[in-house]
Amino acid sequence: MSIRSLADLANELRTTTKLVRTGVVLVPPTALRQVKDAAYRAGLDVVDYVTWKLERLAPGQRSVPLNVGSFLGDLDEIANGNSVSGCILIANADVPLARLHVHERTLVWDLLLNSFKRRRQAIVLAIPRGAYHLFPQNHEEEWTRLGRIAAIERTGDRGCVDADDR
C-alpha cells in the first residue's frame, strides 16, 4: 500500500471498525512548525505532547521522568480524552521518543501498531521524515504496508501541504 494523505488516514482511523486506531504522519524536518496547521486543515484535533506534558508537572518539578510505560500511559490518556474530530494528531511526538533507548522505541512502535486497542480517539503521531533513529525504516515499511502512514510535504510559502490540498 502507498503512503496516503493525512486526511485520508484520519478518515479511515476515525470511521474504521479496527480495534487499533493509530497512525503516523511523516513530516519534512523543515515543516515541523507547520504540522499543526496541516492537521487542522485535514480535520484533526491537535495535542502538542511537550506542552501537554509540561502542563501536568507538579509545581516546582524540574525533571520529567520518561520511560515506555509513562509515554504509552500519556498516549492512552490523550486517546481516551475528548476530541471533536475523533482523531488527534500528536505534535512533537519525536521529543519523548528521542529520550528512549533503541529497544524501547521498538517496543513503543510494536505496541502502537498491534496492541493499542479500544481507545476513544484515533491518534496520529507526527514524526520527522527520515528520522530512522526514532522511527526505524523496518517499522515505516510495516506501517506503510498496513496503510497506517500519511505524509505531508513542504511547499513554498503555504508551509506544510497535505496531498489533498493540491
C-alpha atoms as a PDB file:
ATOM      1  CA  MET A   1       0.000   0.000   0.000  1.00  0.00           C
ATOM      2  CA  SER A   2       1.261   3.502  -0.748  1.00  0.00           C
ATOM      3  CA  ILE A   3       1.641   6.396   1.655  1.00  0.00           C
ATOM      4  CA  ARG A   4      -1.561   8.406   1.768  1.00  0.00           C
ATOM      5  CA  SER A   5      -2.699  11.883   2.712  1.00  0.00           C
ATOM      6  CA  LEU A   6      -3.219  12.854   6.325  1.00  0.00           C
ATOM      7  CA  ALA A   7      -6.927  13.485   5.678  1.00  0.00           C
ATOM      8  CA  ASP A   8      -7.386  10.011   4.161  1.00  0.00           C
ATOM      9  CA  LEU A   9      -5.582   8.345   7.058  1.00  0.00           C
ATOM     10  CA  ALA A  10      -7.605  10.286   9.643  1.00  0.00           C
ATOM     11  CA  ASN A  11     -10.878   9.434   7.908  1.00  0.00           C
ATOM     12  CA  GLU A  12     -10.061   5.743   7.929  1.00  0.00           C
ATOM     13  CA  LEU A  13      -8.865   5.735  11.529  1.00  0.00           C
ATOM     14  CA  ARG A  14     -11.921   7.579  12.821  1.00  0.00           C
ATOM     15  CA  THR A  15     -14.506   5.514  10.917  1.00  0.00           C
ATOM     16  CA  THR A  16     -12.963   2.086  10.903  1.00  0.00           C
ATOM     17  CA  THR A  17     -14.062  -0.850  12.999  1.00  0.00           C
ATOM     18  CA  LYS A  18     -10.441  -1.814  13.650  1.00  0.00           C
ATOM     19  CA  LEU A  19      -9.528  -2.287  17.288  1.00  0.00           C
ATOM     20  CA  VAL A  20      -6.224  -0.413  16.920  1.00  0.00           C
ATOM     21  CA  ARG A  21      -6.606   3.121  15.538  1.00  0.00           C
ATOM     22  CA  THR A  22      -3.087   4.525  15.428  1.00  0.00           C
ATOM     23  CA  GLY A  23      -1.160   6.121  12.582  1.00  0.00           C
ATOM     24  CA  VAL A  24       1.968   8.066  11.749  1.00  0.00           C
ATOM     25  CA  VAL A  25       2.389  11.153   9.613  1.00  0.00           C
ATOM     26  CA  LEU A  26       5.852  11.748   8.177  1.00  0.00           C
ATOM     27  CA  VAL A  27       6.757  15.418   8.080  1.00  0.00           C
ATOM     28  CA  PRO A  28       9.793  17.042   6.464  1.00  0.00           C
ATOM     29  CA  PRO A  29      12.019  18.361   9.278  1.00  0.00           C
ATOM     30  CA  THR A  30      11.770  21.860   7.770  1.00  0.00           C
ATOM     31  CA  ALA A  31       7.958  21.749   8.061  1.00  0.00           C
ATOM     32  CA  LEU A  32       7.541  20.545  11.648  1.00  0.00           C
ATOM     33  CA  ARG A  33       6.400  24.005  12.761  1.00  0.00           C
ATOM     34  CA  GLN A  34       3.505  23.893  10.282  1.00  0.00           C
ATOM     35  CA  VAL A  35       2.273  20.375  11.075  1.00  0.00           C
ATOM     36  CA  LYS A  36      -0.488  21.678  13.351  1.00  0.00           C
ATOM     37  CA  ASP A  37      -1.927  23.801  10.540  1.00  0.00           C
ATOM     38  CA  ALA A  38      -1.866  20.818   8.194  1.00  0.00           C
ATOM     39  CA  ALA A  39      -3.658  18.722  10.819  1.00  0.00           C
ATOM     40  CA  TYR A  40      -6.370  21.338  11.306  1.00  0.00           C
ATOM     41  CA  ARG A  41      -6.873  21.567   7.524  1.00  0.00           C
ATOM     42  CA  ALA A  42      -7.199  17.773   7.416  1.00  0.00           C
ATOM     43  CA  GLY A  43      -9.869  17.866  10.142  1.00  0.00           C
ATOM     44  CA  LEU A  44      -7.861  16.565  13.110  1.00  0.00           C
ATOM     45  CA  ASP A  45      -7.600  17.883  16.626  1.00  0.00           C
ATOM     46  CA  VAL A  46      -4.030  18.546  17.793  1.00  0.00           C
ATOM     47  CA  VAL A  47      -2.218  17.901  21.049  1.00  0.00           C
ATOM     48  CA  ASP A  48       1.325  19.196  21.362  1.00  0.00           C
ATOM     49  CA  TYR A  49       2.878  16.461  23.504  1.00  0.00           C
ATOM     50  CA  VAL A  50       5.539  18.698  25.053  1.00  0.00           C
ATOM     51  CA  THR A  51       3.053  21.408  26.058  1.00  0.00           C
ATOM     52  CA  TRP A  52       0.574  18.780  27.283  1.00  0.00           C
ATOM     53  CA  LYS A  53       3.260  17.120  29.414  1.00  0.00           C
ATOM     54  CA  LEU A  54       4.571  20.386  30.870  1.00  0.00           C
ATOM     55  CA  GLU A  55       1.044  21.414  31.899  1.00  0.00           C
ATOM     56  CA  ARG A  56       0.857  18.272  34.048  1.00  0.00           C
ATOM     57  CA  LEU A  57       4.051  18.837  36.024  1.00  0.00           C
ATOM     58  CA  ALA A  58       3.716  19.430  39.743  1.00  0.00           C
ATOM     59  CA  PRO A  59       4.685  22.914  40.945  1.00  0.00           C
ATOM     60  CA  GLY A  60       8.445  23.057  41.365  1.00  0.00           C
ATOM     61  CA  GLN A  61       9.064  19.821  39.478  1.00  0.00           C
ATOM     62  CA  ARG A  62      12.238  20.215  37.414  1.00  0.00           C
ATOM     63  CA  SER A  63      12.520  16.928  35.554  1.00  0.00           C
ATOM     64  CA  VAL A  64      10.170  14.778  33.560  1.00  0.00           C
ATOM     65  CA  PRO A  65      10.661  11.067  34.139  1.00  0.00           C
ATOM     66  CA  LEU A  66      10.023   9.215  30.915  1.00  0.00           C
ATOM     67  CA  ASN A  67      10.027   5.556  30.009  1.00  0.00           C
ATOM     68  CA  VAL A  68       7.993   3.285  27.757  1.00  0.00           C
ATOM     69  CA  GLY A  69       5.248   2.876  30.356  1.00  0.00           C
ATOM     70  CA  SER A  70       4.854   6.571  31.068  1.00  0.00           C
ATOM     71  CA  PHE A  71       4.899   7.526  27.371  1.00  0.00           C
ATOM     72  CA  LEU A  72       2.296   4.903  26.470  1.00  0.00           C
ATOM     73  CA  GLY A  73       0.273   5.955  29.530  1.00  0.00           C
ATOM     74  CA  ASP A  74       0.347   9.552  28.274  1.00  0.00           C
ATOM     75  CA  LEU A  75      -0.785   8.460  24.807  1.00  0.00           C
ATOM     76  CA  ASP A  76      -3.521   6.367  26.411  1.00  0.00           C
ATOM     77  CA  GLU A  77      -4.742   9.381  28.395  1.00  0.00           C
ATOM     78  CA  ILE A  78      -4.770  11.542  25.268  1.00  0.00           C
ATOM     79  CA  ALA A  79      -6.514   8.868  23.164  1.00  0.00           C
ATOM     80  CA  ASN A  80      -9.179   8.351  25.820  1.00  0.00           C
ATOM     81  CA  GLY A  81      -9.795  12.085  26.220  1.00  0.00           C
ATOM     82  CA  ASN A  82     -12.255  14.310  24.431  1.00  0.00           C
ATOM     83  CA  SER A  83     -11.932  15.209  20.784  1.00  0.00           C
ATOM     84  CA  VAL A  84     -14.294  16.958  18.420  1.00  0.00           C
ATOM     85  CA  SER A  85     -12.906  15.243  15.324  1.00  0.00           C
ATOM     86  CA  GLY A  86     -12.397  11.720  16.680  1.00  0.00           C
ATOM     87  CA  CYS A  87      -8.760  11.767  15.574  1.00  0.00           C
ATOM     88  CA  ILE A  88      -5.903  13.550  17.334  1.00  0.00           C
ATOM     89  CA  LEU A  89      -2.550  14.474  15.851  1.00  0.00           C
ATOM     90  CA  ILE A  90       0.227  14.220  18.446  1.00  0.00           C
ATOM     91  CA  ALA A  91       2.691  17.000  17.585  1.00  0.00           C
ATOM     92  CA  ASN A  92       6.232  16.787  18.970  1.00  0.00           C
ATOM     93  CA  ALA A  93       5.919  13.020  19.455  1.00  0.00           C
ATOM     94  CA  ASP A  94       9.563  12.814  18.402  1.00  0.00           C
ATOM     95  CA  VAL A  95      10.704  14.527  21.620  1.00  0.00           C
ATOM     96  CA  PRO A  96       9.794  11.724  24.046  1.00  0.00           C
ATOM     97  CA  LEU A  97      10.857   9.081  21.514  1.00  0.00           C
ATOM     98  CA  ALA A  98      14.319  10.649  21.377  1.00  0.00           C
ATOM     99  CA  ARG A  99      14.669  10.155  25.139  1.00  0.00           C
ATOM    100  CA  LEU A 100      14.006   6.409  24.925  1.00  0.00           C
ATOM    101  CA  HIS A 101      16.608   3.732  24.201  1.00  0.00           C
ATOM    102  CA  VAL A 102      16.524   1.995  20.815  1.00  0.00           C
ATOM    103  CA  HIS A 103      14.944  -1.193  22.175  1.00  0.00           C
ATOM    104  CA  GLU A 104      12.314   0.911  23.998  1.00  0.00           C
ATOM    105  CA  ARG A 105      11.394   2.742  20.791  1.00  0.00           C
ATOM    106  CA  THR A 106      10.983  -0.610  19.050  1.00  0.00           C
ATOM    107  CA  LEU A 107       8.640  -1.701  21.824  1.00  0.00           C
ATOM    108  CA  VAL A 108       6.612   1.520  21.539  1.00  0.00           C
ATOM    109  CA  TRP A 109       6.167   1.120  17.774  1.00  0.00           C
ATOM    110  CA  ASP A 110       5.191  -2.549  18.100  1.00  0.00           C
ATOM    111  CA  LEU A 111       2.650  -1.789  20.824  1.00  0.00           C
ATOM    112  CA  LEU A 112       1.161   1.164  18.968  1.00  0.00           C
ATOM    113  CA  LEU A 113       0.833  -0.889  15.790  1.00  0.00           C
ATOM    114  CA  ASN A 114      -0.647  -4.036  17.297  1.00  0.00           C
ATOM    115  CA  SER A 115      -1.817  -3.596  20.875  1.00  0.00           C
ATOM    116  CA  PHE A 116      -3.103  -0.039  21.435  1.00  0.00           C
ATOM    117  CA  LYS A 117      -6.725  -1.232  21.355  1.00  0.00           C
ATOM    118  CA  ARG A 118     -10.157   0.225  22.047  1.00  0.00           C
ATOM    119  CA  ARG A 119      -9.275   3.877  22.612  1.00  0.00           C
ATOM    120  CA  ARG A 120     -11.991   6.542  22.325  1.00  0.00           C
ATOM    121  CA  GLN A 121      -9.996   8.582  19.808  1.00  0.00           C
ATOM    122  CA  ALA A 122      -7.705   7.638  16.970  1.00  0.00           C
ATOM    123  CA  ILE A 123      -4.198   9.101  17.256  1.00  0.00           C
ATOM    124  CA  VAL A 124      -1.607  10.016  14.634  1.00  0.00           C
ATOM    125  CA  LEU A 125       1.962  10.694  15.727  1.00  0.00           C
ATOM    126  CA  ALA A 126       3.891  13.352  13.788  1.00  0.00           C
ATOM    127  CA  ILE A 127       7.429  12.127  13.095  1.00  0.00           C
ATOM    128  CA  PRO A 128      10.168  13.870  11.087  1.00  0.00           C
ATOM    129  CA  ARG A 129      10.650  12.131   7.736  1.00  0.00           C
ATOM    130  CA  GLY A 130      13.989  10.339   7.585  1.00  0.00           C
ATOM    131  CA  ALA A 131      14.445  10.210  11.373  1.00  0.00           C
ATOM    132  CA  TYR A 132      15.180   6.486  11.262  1.00  0.00           C
ATOM    133  CA  HIS A 133      16.727   6.599  14.727  1.00  0.00           C
ATOM    134  CA  LEU A 134      13.212   7.473  16.015  1.00  0.00           C
ATOM    135  CA  PHE A 135      11.064   5.556  13.526  1.00  0.00           C
ATOM    136  CA  PRO A 136      13.225   2.794  12.031  1.00  0.00           C
ATOM    137  CA  GLN A 137      12.832   2.023   8.356  1.00  0.00           C
ATOM    138  CA  ASN A 138      11.561  -1.522   9.014  1.00  0.00           C
ATOM    139  CA  HIS A 139       8.753  -0.047  11.147  1.00  0.00           C
ATOM    140  CA  GLU A 140       7.988   2.548   8.476  1.00  0.00           C
ATOM    141  CA  GLU A 141       7.695  -0.229   5.886  1.00  0.00           C
ATOM    142  CA  GLU A 142       5.364  -2.269   8.113  1.00  0.00           C
ATOM    143  CA  TRP A 143       3.137   0.708   8.953  1.00  0.00           C
ATOM    144  CA  THR A 144       3.041   1.624   5.246  1.00  0.00           C
ATOM    145  CA  ARG A 145       2.122  -1.940   4.261  1.00  0.00           C
ATOM    146  CA  LEU A 146      -0.800  -1.782   6.683  1.00  0.00           C
ATOM    147  CA  GLY A 147      -1.940   1.617   5.380  1.00  0.00           C
ATOM    148  CA  ARG A 148      -1.255   3.431   8.629  1.00  0.00           C
ATOM    149  CA  ILE A 149       1.168   6.093   7.345  1.00  0.00           C
ATOM    150  CA  ALA A 150       0.479   9.505   5.860  1.00  0.00           C
ATOM    151  CA  ALA A 151       2.877  12.107   4.525  1.00  0.00           C
ATOM    152  CA  ILE A 152       2.839  15.846   4.165  1.00  0.00           C
ATOM    153  CA  GLU A 153       5.275  17.972   2.239  1.00  0.00           C
ATOM    154  CA  ARG A 154       6.876  21.384   2.484  1.00  0.00           C
ATOM    155  CA  THR A 155       5.835  23.570  -0.432  1.00  0.00           C
ATOM    156  CA  GLY A 156       6.768  27.215  -0.722  1.00  0.00           C
ATOM    157  CA  ASP A 157       5.060  29.930   1.267  1.00  0.00           C
ATOM    158  CA  ARG A 158       1.995  27.844   2.055  1.00  0.00           C
ATOM    159  CA  GLY A 159       4.056  25.817   4.502  1.00  0.00           C
ATOM    160  CA  CYS A 160       3.027  22.248   5.088  1.00  0.00           C
ATOM    161  CA  VAL A 161       0.687  20.823   2.444  1.00  0.00           C
ATOM    162  CA  ASP A 162      -1.214  17.562   2.579  1.00  0.00           C
ATOM    163  CA  ALA A 163      -1.710  15.629  -0.646  1.00  0.00           C
ATOM    164  CA  ASP A 164      -5.417  16.621  -0.632  1.00  0.00           C
ATOM    165  CA  ASP A 165      -4.515  20.347  -0.670  1.00  0.00           C
ATOM    166  CA  ARG A 166      -3.151  20.175  -4.193  1.00  0.00           C
END
